[in-house]
């Protein structure tokens, strides 16, 4: 079905201008033509087993559209609490739209991220294997897009598996363009489907922001990555053996997972100020760290009836008192003295120095979190600018033992 949207525009114009007069061009009335197109949309959605998959805001969403105007959701979003069966309708305001009539995964994603989330979409282009939508509410020419692909439950399983692999992969990834000798490019795949590309060329670093989604076979960027010289890349497939994503629409472009920084990290004067783990902007930390921290706290609550609320790196600049890790928990405020050293490799190394007020068994219970900081090979340090809503500076500590762990901190 070729862009039935154009037919609707013509229909609405004729309907407005002709009112109740006989239509001299079409044999059918405007109302009949509108109903026919809406029927075709529903037929396409429910054809076969009615199963489609969308990759949106970092999540894979499987949908089964039924003839009785219900849709069944299953997704990689959250803990599955929004994987419901709800009603839907295909209707029209100015152009055809798909309306989910109660709370769904799309509304949940929107509530989680008001800046980039969306849950109202208009039909754009419809085929038997793919349906493209655009945002109903975005203003201007740059509108949020969403695509439904004809899919199966196996696609969702594969997307979940690949999402898990990306979560535990190193935060350091290199964007490679075959034959490129003029620049070096690093790409970050962050929480919430947010991606960032840093390009080092001519001694200067530029930054570009994108969104990405994990698919059954790889990742897809919307909009496509603009790599200059009329080169763009949007869809990538993943090879598990080589740990490389290769673009299907630009085969000369690939993304390699590496364990060290690809380009120099933004400097940060570590030690001049105290620091608080950034619990206000969790998307600044890595997916792997956020997954660990939420799971760790959930286990504390389930097994011991408590939680870690926040933690600090204090006395970093003091010349008379020992620095200490200060952990606020529901059991009380705990501290661990430590020393630290920034070595020639630019990394910071933390060492527990002994004194602490933590007693057993609490000390043992907290070790999984503590060992994320007091590791063997230190942490890479990266300045990350100011907070979005406040003037405090931020920085990252990236665990050199496990570079999937990146913890965002706030200056204090």
Protein backbone atom coordinates (compact mmCIF):
# COMPACT_ATOMS: atom_id res chain seq x y z
CA UNK A 1 0.00 0.00 0.00
CA UNK A 2 1.72 3.15 -1.25
CA UNK A 3 1.51 6.17 1.09
CA UNK A 4 -2.22 6.24 1.55
CA UNK A 5 -1.66 9.47 3.44
CA UNK A 6 -1.78 11.38 0.15
CA UNK A 7 -5.20 9.96 -0.59
CA UNK A 8 -6.40 11.20 2.78
CA UNK A 9 -5.18 14.73 2.16
CA UNK A 10 -7.01 14.83 -1.17
CA UNK A 11 -10.09 13.34 0.43
CA UNK A 12 -10.20 15.89 3.23
CA UNK A 13 -9.78 18.82 0.80
CA UNK A 14 -12.60 17.57 -1.39
CA UNK A 15 -14.77 16.81 1.60
CA UNK A 16 -14.33 20.38 2.88
CA UNK A 17 -14.85 22.12 -0.44
CA UNK A 18 -17.75 20.06 -1.82
CA UNK A 19 -19.78 19.79 1.36
CA UNK A 20 -22.91 17.78 0.41
CA UNK A 21 -22.62 18.22 -3.35
CA UNK A 22 -22.10 15.26 -5.69
CA UNK A 23 -18.38 14.42 -5.98
CA UNK A 24 -17.54 14.66 -9.71
CA UNK A 25 -14.22 12.74 -9.47
CA UNK A 26 -14.81 9.73 -7.19
CA UNK A 27 -17.58 7.17 -7.35
CA UNK A 28 -17.62 6.83 -3.56
CA UNK A 29 -18.40 9.45 -0.92
CA UNK A 30 -15.58 10.99 1.16
CA UNK A 31 -16.83 9.13 4.24
CA UNK A 32 -16.71 5.80 2.41
CA UNK A 33 -13.21 6.43 1.10
CA UNK A 34 -12.00 7.37 4.58
CA UNK A 35 -13.52 4.24 6.10
CA UNK A 36 -11.99 2.10 3.35
CA UNK A 37 -8.50 3.38 4.08
CA UNK A 38 -8.91 2.93 7.84
CA UNK A 39 -10.11 -0.61 7.19
CA UNK A 40 -7.00 -1.27 5.08
CA UNK A 41 -4.79 -0.06 7.94
CA UNK A 42 -6.46 -2.39 10.41
CA UNK A 43 -6.30 -5.28 7.94
CA UNK A 44 -2.56 -4.71 7.61
CA UNK A 45 -2.06 -4.55 11.38
CA UNK A 46 -4.02 -7.73 12.08
CA UNK A 47 -2.89 -9.70 9.01
CA UNK A 48 -1.54 -13.17 9.78
CA UNK A 49 -0.88 -13.39 13.50
CA UNK A 50 -0.99 -9.59 13.84
CA UNK A 51 2.47 -9.46 15.42
CA UNK A 52 4.76 -6.46 14.96
CA UNK A 53 7.93 -5.29 16.70
CA UNK A 54 9.12 -1.73 17.28
CA UNK A 55 12.49 -0.54 18.54
CA UNK A 56 11.97 2.64 20.49
CA UNK A 57 13.82 4.71 23.11
CA UNK A 58 16.28 1.88 23.73
CA UNK A 59 13.60 -0.80 24.12
CA UNK A 60 12.16 -3.54 21.91
CA UNK A 61 8.35 -3.64 21.96
CA UNK A 62 6.43 -6.64 20.60
CA UNK A 63 2.75 -6.05 19.80
CA UNK A 64 0.00 -8.46 18.76
CA UNK A 65 -2.94 -6.63 17.19
CA UNK A 66 -6.22 -8.54 17.39
CA UNK A 67 -9.42 -8.18 15.38
CA UNK A 68 -11.36 -7.33 18.56
CA UNK A 69 -9.42 -4.04 18.84
CA UNK A 70 -7.10 -5.25 21.58
CA UNK A 71 -3.31 -5.25 21.44
CA UNK A 72 -1.01 -7.40 23.57
CA UNK A 73 2.37 -5.93 24.63
CA UNK A 74 5.62 -7.63 25.53
CA UNK A 75 8.83 -5.60 25.77
CA UNK A 76 12.35 -5.19 27.10
CA UNK A 77 11.27 -2.00 28.88
CA UNK A 78 11.56 -1.93 32.66
CA UNK A 79 10.50 -5.00 34.57
CA UNK A 80 7.60 -5.87 32.27
CA UNK A 81 4.99 -4.17 34.47
CA UNK A 82 3.70 -2.25 31.44
CA UNK A 83 3.39 -5.36 29.23
CA UNK A 84 -0.40 -5.33 29.23
CA UNK A 85 -3.30 -6.07 26.92
CA UNK A 86 -5.19 -2.87 26.14
CA UNK A 87 -7.62 -1.56 23.52
CA UNK A 88 -6.63 0.36 20.41
CA UNK A 89 -8.41 2.12 17.59
CA UNK A 90 -7.48 3.39 14.16
CA UNK A 91 -9.06 6.77 13.61
CA UNK A 92 -8.55 10.17 12.07
CA UNK A 93 -8.23 13.75 13.26
CA UNK A 94 -6.41 15.52 10.44
CA UNK A 95 -4.64 12.38 9.19
CA UNK A 96 -4.93 8.70 10.16
CA UNK A 97 -3.65 7.79 13.61
CA UNK A 98 -3.18 4.74 15.80
CA UNK A 99 -4.56 5.39 19.27
CA UNK A 100 -3.72 3.24 22.31
CA UNK A 101 -6.75 3.85 24.49
CA UNK A 102 -5.17 3.20 27.89
CA UNK A 103 -1.75 3.14 29.50
CA UNK A 104 0.83 1.20 27.48
CA UNK A 105 4.59 0.79 27.19
CA UNK A 106 4.70 3.91 25.02
CA UNK A 107 3.09 6.06 27.72
CA UNK A 108 5.46 4.57 30.31
CA UNK A 109 8.50 5.46 28.19
CA UNK A 110 7.12 8.97 27.73
CA UNK A 111 6.63 9.38 31.48
CA UNK A 112 10.19 8.19 32.06
CA UNK A 113 11.66 10.63 29.55
CA UNK A 114 9.48 13.62 28.73
CA UNK A 115 12.20 15.21 26.60
CA UNK A 116 12.38 12.50 23.93
CA UNK A 117 9.50 10.11 24.62
CA UNK A 118 6.32 10.06 22.54
CA UNK A 119 3.13 8.00 22.50
CA UNK A 120 0.89 9.63 19.87
CA UNK A 121 1.80 8.77 16.28
CA UNK A 122 0.32 9.32 12.84
CA UNK A 123 0.49 6.81 10.00
CA UNK A 124 3.04 7.85 7.41
CA UNK A 125 3.79 4.93 5.08
CA UNK A 126 2.25 1.46 5.19
CA UNK A 127 3.37 -1.82 3.62
CA UNK A 128 2.74 -5.43 4.54
CA UNK A 129 6.16 -5.74 6.22
CA UNK A 130 6.74 -2.26 7.64
CA UNK A 131 4.64 0.65 8.95
CA UNK A 132 6.25 4.07 9.46
CA UNK A 133 4.77 6.59 11.89
CA UNK A 134 5.58 10.20 12.76
CA UNK A 135 4.84 12.09 15.95
CA UNK A 136 1.43 13.68 16.29
CA UNK A 137 2.58 16.38 18.71
CA UNK A 138 6.15 17.33 17.72
CA UNK A 139 6.37 20.80 16.18
CA UNK A 140 8.62 21.80 13.31
CA UNK A 141 10.17 19.73 10.56
CA UNK A 142 12.16 17.38 12.82
CA UNK A 143 9.59 14.93 14.15
CA UNK A 144 9.97 11.78 16.23
CA UNK A 145 9.65 8.68 14.07
CA UNK A 146 8.59 5.15 14.90
CA UNK A 147 8.61 2.04 12.73
CA UNK A 148 6.71 -1.21 13.21
CA UNK A 149 8.41 -4.21 11.60
CA UNK A 150 6.60 -7.47 10.97
CA UNK A 151 8.09 -9.69 13.67
CA UNK A 152 7.88 -12.70 15.92
CA UNK A 153 8.39 -13.45 19.60
CA UNK A 154 11.83 -14.79 18.64
CA UNK A 155 12.82 -11.26 17.56
CA UNK A 156 12.03 -10.00 21.04
CA UNK A 157 14.11 -12.77 22.62
CA UNK A 158 17.06 -11.85 20.38
CA UNK A 159 16.66 -8.14 21.17
CA UNK A 160 16.64 -8.93 24.90
CA UNK A 161 19.78 -11.01 24.53
CA UNK A 162 21.59 -8.30 22.57
CA UNK A 163 20.43 -5.61 25.00
CA UNK A 164 22.00 -7.65 27.78
CA UNK A 165 25.27 -7.94 25.87
CA UNK A 166 25.40 -4.20 25.22
CA UNK A 167 24.72 -3.54 28.91
CA UNK A 168 27.79 -5.49 30.00
CA UNK A 169 30.05 -4.28 27.20
CA UNK A 170 32.77 -1.67 27.64
CA UNK A 171 31.64 1.96 27.53
CA UNK A 172 34.56 2.54 25.15
CA UNK A 173 33.55 2.00 21.52
CA UNK A 174 35.26 3.15 18.35
CA UNK A 175 33.35 4.26 15.26
CA UNK A 176 35.49 3.19 12.30
CA UNK A 177 35.17 4.38 8.71
CA UNK A 178 37.25 2.28 6.35
CA UNK A 179 39.97 4.39 4.72
CA UNK A 180 39.51 7.32 7.09
CA UNK A 181 42.88 8.78 8.10
CA UNK A 182 41.86 12.30 9.09
CA UNK A 183 39.85 11.70 12.26
CA UNK A 184 39.22 9.36 15.18
CA UNK A 185 35.68 8.79 16.39
CA UNK A 186 34.37 7.42 19.69
CA UNK A 187 30.73 6.48 20.21
CA UNK A 188 28.85 5.95 23.47
CA UNK A 189 25.64 3.91 23.72
CA UNK A 190 24.08 5.34 26.86
CA UNK A 191 20.97 4.68 28.94
CA UNK A 192 17.55 5.43 27.48
CA UNK A 193 18.63 4.91 23.89
CA UNK A 194 20.87 8.00 23.89
CA UNK A 195 24.07 7.92 21.81
CA UNK A 196 26.93 10.38 21.59
CA UNK A 197 29.70 10.61 18.98
CA UNK A 198 32.94 12.44 19.71
CA UNK A 199 35.21 13.18 16.75
CA UNK A 200 38.87 14.14 17.07
CA UNK A 201 40.07 15.94 13.94
CA UNK A 202 42.75 18.59 13.53
CA UNK A 203 43.40 18.60 17.26
CA UNK A 204 39.79 19.53 18.08
CA UNK A 205 36.95 17.40 19.47
CA UNK A 206 33.36 17.84 18.27
CA UNK A 207 30.27 16.18 19.75
CA UNK A 208 27.02 15.01 18.11
CA UNK A 209 23.95 13.50 19.79
CA UNK A 210 21.73 10.72 18.42
CA UNK A 211 19.18 8.17 19.58
CA UNK A 212 19.48 4.44 19.04
CA UNK A 213 17.44 1.29 19.53
CA UNK A 214 18.51 -2.32 20.01
CA UNK A 215 17.00 -4.65 17.40
CA UNK A 216 16.96 -8.42 17.02
CA UNK A 217 20.17 -8.30 15.00
CA UNK A 218 21.97 -5.10 16.00
CA UNK A 219 21.20 -1.42 16.50
CA UNK A 220 19.40 1.26 14.52
CA UNK A 221 19.99 5.02 14.73
CA UNK A 222 17.32 7.65 14.10
CA UNK A 223 18.22 9.90 12.47
CA UNK A 224 21.00 8.15 10.60
CA UNK A 225 24.55 8.95 11.71
CA UNK A 226 25.84 11.87 9.62
CA UNK A 227 29.49 11.02 9.01
CA UNK A 228 30.34 13.72 6.45
CA UNK A 229 31.24 13.48 2.76
CA UNK A 230 27.65 12.40 2.00
CA UNK A 231 28.16 9.28 4.15
CA UNK A 232 25.44 8.17 6.55
CA UNK A 233 24.71 4.97 8.45
CA UNK A 234 21.56 3.97 10.29
CA UNK A 235 21.29 0.18 10.68
CA UNK A 236 24.01 -2.07 12.12
CA UNK A 237 24.22 -5.83 12.62
CA UNK A 238 26.23 -7.36 15.46
CA UNK A 239 28.79 -10.15 15.26
CA UNK A 240 29.21 -11.75 18.68
CA UNK A 241 32.56 -13.35 17.90
CA UNK A 242 34.35 -10.19 16.76
CA UNK A 243 32.32 -7.83 19.02
CA UNK A 244 31.78 -5.56 16.00
CA UNK A 245 28.65 -3.81 14.70
CA UNK A 246 28.72 -3.40 10.91
CA UNK A 247 26.44 -1.01 9.03
CA UNK A 248 24.13 -2.65 6.51
CA UNK A 249 23.48 0.59 4.61
CA UNK A 250 27.13 1.78 4.71
CA UNK A 251 29.36 -1.34 4.87
CA UNK A 252 32.51 0.77 5.27
CA UNK A 253 31.27 1.87 8.72
CA UNK A 254 31.57 -0.25 11.86
CA UNK A 255 31.52 0.07 15.64
CA UNK A 256 34.17 -1.82 17.63
CA UNK A 257 33.99 -2.53 21.35
CA UNK A 258 37.34 -1.71 23.01
CA UNK A 259 38.59 -1.58 26.60
CA UNK A 260 40.44 1.75 26.62
CA UNK A 261 39.57 5.32 25.59
CA UNK A 262 39.60 5.89 21.85
CA UNK A 263 40.27 9.62 22.08
CA UNK A 264 41.54 11.69 25.06
CA UNK A 265 38.92 12.02 27.78
CA UNK A 266 37.79 15.50 28.81
CA UNK A 267 40.10 16.60 31.65
CA UNK A 268 38.78 16.95 35.19
CA UNK A 269 40.63 18.25 38.27
CA UNK A 270 39.89 15.28 40.50
CA UNK A 271 40.52 15.91 44.19
CA UNK A 272 39.77 19.63 44.27
CA UNK A 273 36.18 19.07 45.41
CA UNK A 274 34.19 16.40 47.22
CA UNK A 275 31.77 14.29 45.20
CA UNK A 276 28.31 12.68 45.43
CA UNK A 277 27.15 9.80 43.26
CA UNK A 278 24.81 11.34 40.68
CA UNK A 279 21.43 10.00 41.73
CA UNK A 280 19.65 12.92 40.01
CA UNK A 281 20.76 12.14 36.44
CA UNK A 282 21.10 8.38 36.36
CA UNK A 283 21.39 8.31 32.57
CA UNK A 284 24.88 9.82 32.89
CA UNK A 285 26.10 6.57 34.44
CA UNK A 286 26.50 3.47 32.28
CA UNK A 287 23.73 0.96 31.67
CA UNK A 288 25.76 -1.75 33.41
CA UNK A 289 26.30 0.37 36.52
CA UNK A 290 22.64 1.42 36.73
CA UNK A 291 21.60 -2.21 36.37
CA UNK A 292 24.03 -3.26 39.10
CA UNK A 293 23.02 -0.46 41.48
CA UNK A 294 19.27 -1.01 41.16
CA UNK A 295 19.70 -4.79 41.51
CA UNK A 296 22.03 -4.36 44.49
CA UNK A 297 19.54 -2.13 46.31
CA UNK A 298 16.66 -4.46 45.47
CA UNK A 299 18.57 -7.35 47.04
CA UNK A 300 19.34 -5.28 50.13
CA UNK A 301 15.63 -4.53 50.53
CA UNK A 302 14.51 -8.10 49.91
CA UNK A 303 17.15 -9.85 52.02
CA UNK A 304 17.90 -7.33 54.76
CA UNK A 305 15.06 -4.81 54.75
CA UNK A 306 17.23 -1.80 53.94
CA UNK A 307 18.94 0.16 51.15
CA UNK A 308 21.79 2.47 50.20
CA UNK A 309 20.45 5.98 49.67
CA UNK A 310 23.59 7.75 48.40
CA UNK A 311 27.33 7.88 48.89
CA UNK A 312 30.08 10.49 48.88
CA UNK A 313 33.84 10.80 48.33
CA UNK A 314 34.75 13.26 51.08
CA UNK A 315 37.91 15.11 52.23
CA UNK A 316 39.51 14.67 48.82
CA UNK A 317 41.40 17.97 49.06
CA UNK A 318 42.25 17.82 52.77
CA UNK A 319 45.93 17.85 53.77
CA UNK A 320 45.23 17.04 57.43
CA UNK A 321 42.41 14.50 57.41
CA UNK A 322 41.97 11.22 55.59
CA UNK A 323 39.62 11.02 52.61
CA UNK A 324 36.66 8.74 53.30
CA UNK A 325 33.83 7.00 51.52
CA UNK A 326 30.61 8.14 53.21
CA UNK A 327 27.63 5.82 52.64
CA UNK A 328 24.13 6.85 53.70
CA UNK A 329 22.03 3.76 54.34
CA UNK A 330 18.71 3.01 56.01
CA UNK A 331 20.79 1.42 58.82
CA UNK A 332 22.82 4.57 59.42
CA UNK A 333 25.73 6.56 57.99
CA UNK A 334 28.89 4.56 57.42
CA UNK A 335 32.42 5.67 56.56
CA UNK A 336 35.55 4.03 55.19
CA UNK A 337 38.90 5.83 55.23
CA UNK A 338 40.99 5.55 52.06
CA UNK A 339 43.93 6.99 50.18
CA UNK A 340 44.11 7.78 46.49
CA UNK A 341 46.74 8.49 43.86
CA UNK A 342 46.53 9.81 40.31
CA UNK A 343 49.33 8.05 38.44
CA UNK A 344 51.16 8.86 35.21
CA UNK A 345 48.61 6.88 33.20
CA UNK A 346 46.01 9.51 34.23
CA UNK A 347 43.91 7.07 36.21
CA UNK A 348 42.97 7.44 39.87
CA UNK A 349 43.68 4.53 42.22
CA UNK A 350 41.79 4.15 45.52
CA UNK A 351 43.04 2.08 48.47
CA UNK A 352 41.16 1.30 51.68
CA UNK A 353 43.36 2.40 54.58
CA UNK A 354 41.67 0.45 57.35
CA UNK A 355 39.60 2.63 59.71
CA UNK A 356 35.81 2.29 59.34
CA UNK A 357 32.74 2.39 61.55
CA UNK A 358 31.06 -0.43 59.59
CA UNK A 359 30.56 -3.59 61.62
CA UNK A 360 29.66 -7.08 60.52
CA UNK A 361 27.55 -8.29 58.86
CA UNK A 362 26.86 -4.86 57.31
CA UNK A 363 30.43 -4.47 56.10
CA UNK A 364 30.21 -7.74 54.15
CA UNK A 365 26.76 -6.88 52.81
CA UNK A 366 28.09 -3.61 51.31
CA UNK A 367 31.19 -5.12 49.67
CA UNK A 368 29.73 -5.47 46.13
CA UNK A 369 29.27 -1.68 46.02
CA UNK A 370 32.56 -0.89 47.74
CA UNK A 371 34.54 -3.06 45.33
CA UNK A 372 33.22 -1.03 42.41
CA UNK A 373 35.42 1.79 43.70
CA UNK A 374 38.35 0.01 45.35
CA UNK A 375 39.46 -2.04 42.35
CA UNK A 376 42.87 -3.17 41.10
CA UNK A 377 43.60 -1.14 37.97
CA UNK A 378 42.09 2.19 38.92
CA UNK A 379 39.56 4.39 37.16
CA UNK A 380 39.66 6.58 34.09
CA UNK A 381 38.49 10.13 34.89
CA UNK A 382 36.35 12.20 32.55
CA UNK A 383 34.86 15.65 33.05
CA UNK A 384 31.25 15.80 31.87
CA UNK A 385 30.24 19.43 32.31
CA UNK A 386 27.51 20.82 34.52
CA UNK A 387 24.29 19.24 35.70
CA UNK A 388 21.29 19.94 33.49
CA UNK A 389 19.25 21.75 36.15
CA UNK A 390 21.95 22.95 38.55
CA UNK A 391 25.36 24.62 38.37
CA UNK A 392 27.30 21.74 39.95
CA UNK A 393 29.97 20.17 37.79
CA UNK A 394 29.96 16.44 37.04
CA UNK A 395 32.54 13.81 36.21
CA UNK A 396 32.73 10.08 35.50
CA UNK A 397 34.84 7.34 37.03
CA UNK A 398 35.21 4.47 34.55
CA UNK A 399 36.37 1.20 36.08
CA UNK A 400 39.53 -0.04 34.32
CA UNK A 401 38.95 -3.58 35.66
CA UNK A 402 35.49 -3.61 34.12
CA UNK A 403 35.01 -0.69 31.68
CA UNK A 404 31.28 -1.39 31.46
CA UNK A 405 31.03 0.32 34.87
CA UNK A 406 30.89 4.11 34.57
CA UNK A 407 29.73 6.06 37.65
CA UNK A 408 28.67 9.68 37.36
CA UNK A 409 29.49 11.99 40.28
CA UNK A 410 28.46 15.54 41.23
CA UNK A 411 30.88 18.18 42.55
CA UNK A 412 30.21 19.35 46.09
